[in-house]
Amino acid sequence: MKALIDMTKCSGNARCYQIDQELFQIDDIGYALREEFEVPAEQEEIAREGAASCPERAITLL
């Protein structure tokens, strides 16, 4: 699975980071650091939770 983050939608709420701090990396003020990354198979459910927690719906999972 691949995670895509629309950096124009990310508003720095860091809710995804609260779900998993290693998978969803953020900068010092809460904005996503990576636009795209691979999600390991064992973390797919956590990735879904992180994407669902984003109020801007900035995270897309493929």
PDB file of N, CA and C in Angstrom:
ATOM      1  N   MET A   1       0.845  -1.172   0.000  1.00  0.00           N
ATOM      2  CA  MET A   1       0.000   0.000   0.000  1.00  0.00           C
ATOM      3  C   MET A   1       0.890   1.234   0.000  1.00  0.00           C
ATOM      4  N   LYS A   2       0.427   2.266  -0.681  1.00  0.00           N
ATOM      5  CA  LYS A   2       1.151   3.529  -0.743  1.00  0.00           C
ATOM      6  C   LYS A   2       0.277   4.610  -0.112  1.00  0.00           C
ATOM      7  N   ALA A   3       0.894   5.516   0.629  1.00  0.00           N
ATOM      8  CA  ALA A   3       0.212   6.668   1.208  1.00  0.00           C
ATOM      9  C   ALA A   3       0.642   7.912   0.451  1.00  0.00           C
ATOM     10  N   LEU A   4      -0.333   8.717   0.074  1.00  0.00           N
ATOM     11  CA  LEU A   4      -0.088   9.990  -0.591  1.00  0.00           C
ATOM     12  C   LEU A   4      -0.681  11.089   0.275  1.00  0.00           C
ATOM     13  N   ILE A   5       0.091  12.122   0.520  1.00  0.00           N
ATOM     14  CA  ILE A   5      -0.391  13.239   1.327  1.00  0.00           C
ATOM     15  C   ILE A   5      -0.421  14.489   0.462  1.00  0.00           C
ATOM     16  N   ASP A   6      -1.592  15.082   0.364  1.00  0.00           N
ATOM     17  CA  ASP A   6      -1.752  16.327  -0.383  1.00  0.00           C
ATOM     18  C   ASP A   6      -1.261  17.458   0.520  1.00  0.00           C
ATOM     19  N   MET A   7      -0.074  17.936   0.238  1.00  0.00           N
ATOM     20  CA  MET A   7       0.562  18.937   1.091  1.00  0.00           C
ATOM     21  C   MET A   7      -0.200  20.271   1.086  1.00  0.00           C
ATOM     22  N   THR A   8      -1.013  20.508   0.066  1.00  0.00           N
ATOM     23  CA  THR A   8      -1.799  21.740   0.038  1.00  0.00           C
ATOM     24  C   THR A   8      -3.003  21.651   0.968  1.00  0.00           C
ATOM     25  N   LYS A   9      -3.420  20.445   1.320  1.00  0.00           N
ATOM     26  CA  LYS A   9      -4.544  20.257   2.236  1.00  0.00           C
ATOM     27  C   LYS A   9      -4.107  20.112   3.689  1.00  0.00           C
ATOM     28  N   CYS A  10      -2.908  19.629   3.916  1.00  0.00           N
ATOM     29  CA  CYS A  10      -2.420  19.413   5.282  1.00  0.00           C
ATOM     30  C   CYS A  10      -2.379  20.750   6.010  1.00  0.00           C
ATOM     31  N   SER A  11      -3.052  20.804   7.176  1.00  0.00           N
ATOM     32  CA  SER A  11      -3.070  22.053   7.941  1.00  0.00           C
ATOM     33  C   SER A  11      -2.356  21.927   9.284  1.00  0.00           C
ATOM     34  N   GLY A  12      -1.615  20.851   9.470  1.00  0.00           N
ATOM     35  CA  GLY A  12      -0.768  20.719  10.646  1.00  0.00           C
ATOM     36  C   GLY A  12      -1.474  20.302  11.924  1.00  0.00           C
ATOM     37  N   ASN A  13      -2.623  19.646  11.814  1.00  0.00           N
ATOM     38  CA  ASN A  13      -3.322  19.169  13.006  1.00  0.00           C
ATOM     39  C   ASN A  13      -2.592  18.016  13.694  1.00  0.00           C
ATOM     40  N   ALA A  14      -1.797  17.284  12.941  1.00  0.00           N
ATOM     41  CA  ALA A  14      -0.984  16.166  13.441  1.00  0.00           C
ATOM     42  C   ALA A  14      -1.802  15.033  14.033  1.00  0.00           C
ATOM     43  N   ARG A  15      -3.037  14.889  13.621  1.00  0.00           N
ATOM     44  CA  ARG A  15      -3.855  13.777  14.123  1.00  0.00           C
ATOM     45  C   ARG A  15      -3.341  12.432  13.622  1.00  0.00           C
ATOM     46  N   CYS A  16      -2.824  12.408  12.402  1.00  0.00           N
ATOM     47  CA  CYS A  16      -2.244  11.170  11.875  1.00  0.00           C
ATOM     48  C   CYS A  16      -1.030  10.769  12.710  1.00  0.00           C
ATOM     49  N   TYR A  17      -0.241  11.749  13.080  1.00  0.00           N
ATOM     50  CA  TYR A  17       0.957  11.523  13.893  1.00  0.00           C
ATOM     51  C   TYR A  17       0.586  10.948  15.259  1.00  0.00           C
ATOM     52  N   GLN A  18      -0.532  11.371  15.790  1.00  0.00           N
ATOM     53  CA  GLN A  18      -1.000  10.840  17.065  1.00  0.00           C
ATOM     54  C   GLN A  18      -1.360   9.362  16.958  1.00  0.00           C
ATOM     55  N   ILE A  19      -1.745   8.920  15.768  1.00  0.00           N
ATOM     56  CA  ILE A  19      -2.060   7.506  15.535  1.00  0.00           C
ATOM     57  C   ILE A  19      -0.782   6.686  15.469  1.00  0.00           C
ATOM     58  N   ASP A  20       0.211   7.171  14.712  1.00  0.00           N
ATOM     59  CA  ASP A  20       1.488   6.451  14.601  1.00  0.00           C
ATOM     60  C   ASP A  20       2.604   7.433  14.253  1.00  0.00           C
ATOM     61  N   GLN A  21       3.521   7.605  15.179  1.00  0.00           N
ATOM     62  CA  GLN A  21       4.570   8.603  15.035  1.00  0.00           C
ATOM     63  C   GLN A  21       5.685   8.207  14.080  1.00  0.00           C
ATOM     64  N   GLU A  22       5.836   6.940  13.803  1.00  0.00           N
ATOM     65  CA  GLU A  22       6.864   6.506  12.853  1.00  0.00           C
ATOM     66  C   GLU A  22       6.342   6.529  11.422  1.00  0.00           C
ATOM     67  N   LEU A  23       5.113   6.115  11.253  1.00  0.00           N
ATOM     68  CA  LEU A  23       4.536   6.040   9.911  1.00  0.00           C
ATOM     69  C   LEU A  23       4.252   7.440   9.355  1.00  0.00           C
ATOM     70  N   PHE A  24       3.641   8.279  10.162  1.00  0.00           N
ATOM     71  CA  PHE A  24       3.290   9.638   9.751  1.00  0.00           C
ATOM     72  C   PHE A  24       4.286  10.605  10.371  1.00  0.00           C
ATOM     73  N   GLN A  25       5.244  11.022   9.583  1.00  0.00           N
ATOM     74  CA  GLN A  25       6.285  11.920  10.071  1.00  0.00           C
ATOM     75  C   GLN A  25       5.874  13.369   9.826  1.00  0.00           C
ATOM     76  N   ILE A  26       6.122  14.204  10.839  1.00  0.00           N
ATOM     77  CA  ILE A  26       5.740  15.616  10.743  1.00  0.00           C
ATOM     78  C   ILE A  26       6.926  16.518  11.094  1.00  0.00           C
ATOM     79  N   ASP A  27       6.793  17.791  10.726  1.00  0.00           N
ATOM     80  CA  ASP A  27       7.832  18.760  11.074  1.00  0.00           C
ATOM     81  C   ASP A  27       7.555  19.322  12.469  1.00  0.00           C
ATOM     82  N   ASP A  28       8.316  20.311  12.873  1.00  0.00           N
ATOM     83  CA  ASP A  28       8.216  20.869  14.225  1.00  0.00           C
ATOM     84  C   ASP A  28       6.895  21.567  14.527  1.00  0.00           C
ATOM     85  N   ILE A  29       6.159  21.934  13.484  1.00  0.00           N
ATOM     86  CA  ILE A  29       4.884  22.609  13.733  1.00  0.00           C
ATOM     87  C   ILE A  29       3.676  21.774  13.310  1.00  0.00           C
ATOM     88  N   GLY A  30       3.892  20.504  12.992  1.00  0.00           N
ATOM     89  CA  GLY A  30       2.785  19.582  12.761  1.00  0.00           C
ATOM     90  C   GLY A  30       2.444  19.231  11.334  1.00  0.00           C
ATOM     91  N   TYR A  31       3.154  19.784  10.373  1.00  0.00           N
ATOM     92  CA  TYR A  31       2.860  19.498   8.967  1.00  0.00           C
ATOM     93  C   TYR A  31       3.594  18.241   8.498  1.00  0.00           C
ATOM     94  N   ALA A  32       2.963  17.514   7.586  1.00  0.00           N
ATOM     95  CA  ALA A  32       3.548  16.290   7.042  1.00  0.00           C
ATOM     96  C   ALA A  32       4.884  16.580   6.369  1.00  0.00           C
ATOM     97  N   LEU A  33       5.829  15.667   6.569  1.00  0.00           N
ATOM     98  CA  LEU A  33       7.151  15.817   5.951  1.00  0.00           C
ATOM     99  C   LEU A  33       7.246  15.121   4.599  1.00  0.00           C
ATOM    100  N   ARG A  34       6.482  14.049   4.430  1.00  0.00           N
ATOM    101  CA  ARG A  34       6.607  13.257   3.200  1.00  0.00           C
ATOM    102  C   ARG A  34       5.299  13.294   2.412  1.00  0.00           C
ATOM    103  N   GLU A  35       5.411  13.533   1.116  1.00  0.00           N
ATOM    104  CA  GLU A  35       4.239  13.539   0.246  1.00  0.00           C
ATOM    105  C   GLU A  35       3.785  12.133  -0.104  1.00  0.00           C
ATOM    106  N   GLU A  36       4.715  11.193  -0.082  1.00  0.00           N
ATOM    107  CA  GLU A  36       4.419   9.834  -0.537  1.00  0.00           C
ATOM    108  C   GLU A  36       5.348   8.859   0.168  1.00  0.00           C
ATOM    109  N   PHE A  37       4.780   7.711   0.583  1.00  0.00           N
ATOM    110  CA  PHE A  37       5.605   6.675   1.197  1.00  0.00           C
ATOM    111  C   PHE A  37       4.889   5.335   1.143  1.00  0.00           C
ATOM    112  N   GLU A  38       5.678   4.284   1.191  1.00  0.00           N
ATOM    113  CA  GLU A  38       5.149   2.925   1.214  1.00  0.00           C
ATOM    114  C   GLU A  38       4.739   2.563   2.642  1.00  0.00           C
ATOM    115  N   VAL A  39       3.609   1.902   2.761  1.00  0.00           N
ATOM    116  CA  VAL A  39       3.126   1.435   4.054  1.00  0.00           C
ATOM    117  C   VAL A  39       3.392  -0.062   4.135  1.00  0.00           C
ATOM    118  N   PRO A  40       4.166  -0.497   5.116  1.00  0.00           N
ATOM    119  CA  PRO A  40       4.406  -1.941   5.268  1.00  0.00           C
ATOM    120  C   PRO A  40       3.090  -2.675   5.518  1.00  0.00           C
ATOM    121  N   ALA A  41       2.995  -3.885   5.035  1.00  0.00           N
ATOM    122  CA  ALA A  41       1.761  -4.669   5.142  1.00  0.00           C
ATOM    123  C   ALA A  41       1.243  -4.753   6.571  1.00  0.00           C
ATOM    124  N   GLU A  42       2.144  -4.879   7.539  1.00  0.00           N
ATOM    125  CA  GLU A  42       1.713  -5.014   8.930  1.00  0.00           C
ATOM    126  C   GLU A  42       1.204  -3.700   9.532  1.00  0.00           C
ATOM    127  N   GLN A  43       1.348  -2.586   8.808  1.00  0.00           N
ATOM    128  CA  GLN A  43       0.884  -1.295   9.307  1.00  0.00           C
ATOM    129  C   GLN A  43      -0.284  -0.721   8.503  1.00  0.00           C
ATOM    130  N   GLU A  44      -0.877  -1.523   7.632  1.00  0.00           N
ATOM    131  CA  GLU A  44      -1.950  -1.019   6.780  1.00  0.00           C
ATOM    132  C   GLU A  44      -3.163  -0.559   7.581  1.00  0.00           C
ATOM    133  N   GLU A  45      -3.544  -1.282   8.611  1.00  0.00           N
ATOM    134  CA  GLU A  45      -4.700  -0.886   9.422  1.00  0.00           C
ATOM    135  C   GLU A  45      -4.420   0.438  10.139  1.00  0.00           C
ATOM    136  N   ILE A  46      -3.221   0.605  10.639  1.00  0.00           N
ATOM    137  CA  ILE A  46      -2.836   1.854  11.297  1.00  0.00           C
ATOM    138  C   ILE A  46      -2.861   3.009  10.290  1.00  0.00           C
ATOM    139  N   ALA A  47      -2.400   2.755   9.069  1.00  0.00           N
ATOM    140  CA  ALA A  47      -2.427   3.778   8.022  1.00  0.00           C
ATOM    141  C   ALA A  47      -3.869   4.197   7.730  1.00  0.00           C
ATOM    142  N   ARG A  48      -4.784   3.244   7.704  1.00  0.00           N
ATOM    143  CA  ARG A  48      -6.202   3.564   7.485  1.00  0.00           C
ATOM    144  C   ARG A  48      -6.746   4.435   8.619  1.00  0.00           C
ATOM    145  N   GLU A  49      -6.372   4.109   9.847  1.00  0.00           N
ATOM    146  CA  GLU A  49      -6.801   4.909  10.998  1.00  0.00           C
ATOM    147  C   GLU A  49      -6.240   6.334  10.902  1.00  0.00           C
ATOM    148  N   GLY A  50      -4.973   6.439  10.532  1.00  0.00           N
ATOM    149  CA  GLY A  50      -4.358   7.756  10.387  1.00  0.00           C
ATOM    150  C   GLY A  50      -5.024   8.585   9.304  1.00  0.00           C
ATOM    151  N   ALA A  51      -5.315   7.959   8.166  1.00  0.00           N
ATOM    152  CA  ALA A  51      -5.988   8.656   7.067  1.00  0.00           C
ATOM    153  C   ALA A  51      -7.386   9.104   7.485  1.00  0.00           C
ATOM    154  N   ALA A  52      -8.092   8.242   8.192  1.00  0.00           N
ATOM    155  CA  ALA A  52      -9.450   8.569   8.638  1.00  0.00           C
ATOM    156  C   ALA A  52      -9.450   9.691   9.680  1.00  0.00           C
ATOM    157  N   SER A  53      -8.359   9.844  10.411  1.00  0.00           N
ATOM    158  CA  SER A  53      -8.287  10.868  11.456  1.00  0.00           C
ATOM    159  C   SER A  53      -8.018  12.265  10.900  1.00  0.00           C
ATOM    160  N   CYS A  54      -7.644  12.363   9.645  1.00  0.00           N
ATOM    161  CA  CYS A  54      -7.286  13.652   9.050  1.00  0.00           C
ATOM    162  C   CYS A  54      -8.561  14.444   8.715  1.00  0.00           C
ATOM    163  N   PRO A  55      -8.783  15.581   9.398  1.00  0.00           N
ATOM    164  CA  PRO A  55     -10.009  16.352   9.130  1.00  0.00           C
ATOM    165  C   PRO A  55     -10.041  16.979   7.731  1.00  0.00           C
ATOM    166  N   GLU A  56      -8.880  17.166   7.119  1.00  0.00           N
ATOM    167  CA  GLU A  56      -8.829  17.745   5.772  1.00  0.00           C
ATOM    168  C   GLU A  56      -8.890  16.693   4.682  1.00  0.00           C
ATOM    169  N   ARG A  57      -8.848  15.424   5.087  1.00  0.00           N
ATOM    170  CA  ARG A  57      -8.805  14.302   4.124  1.00  0.00           C
ATOM    171  C   ARG A  57      -7.633  14.464   3.165  1.00  0.00           C
ATOM    172  N   ALA A  58      -6.480  14.823   3.733  1.00  0.00           N
ATOM    173  CA  ALA A  58      -5.279  15.055   2.944  1.00  0.00           C
ATOM    174  C   ALA A  58      -4.529  13.757   2.620  1.00  0.00           C
ATOM    175  N   ILE A  59      -4.887  12.662   3.289  1.00  0.00           N
ATOM    176  CA  ILE A  59      -4.170  11.395   3.122  1.00  0.00           C
ATOM    177  C   ILE A  59      -4.999  10.443   2.269  1.00  0.00           C
ATOM    178  N   THR A  60      -4.390   9.967   1.192  1.00  0.00           N
ATOM    179  CA  THR A  60      -5.015   8.983   0.319  1.00  0.00           C
ATOM    180  C   THR A  60      -4.176   7.719   0.367  1.00  0.00           C
ATOM    181  N   LEU A  61      -4.848   6.586   0.487  1.00  0.00           N
ATOM    182  CA  LEU A  61      -4.156   5.294   0.502  1.00  0.00           C
ATOM    183  C   LEU A  61      -4.484   4.555  -0.788  1.00  0.00           C
ATOM    184  N   LEU A  62      -3.453   4.039  -1.438  1.00  0.00           N
ATOM    185  CA  LEU A  62      -3.622   3.307  -2.702  1.00  0.00           C
ATOM    186  C   LEU A  62      -3.122   1.898  -2.537  1.00  0.00           C
TER     187      LEU A  62
END
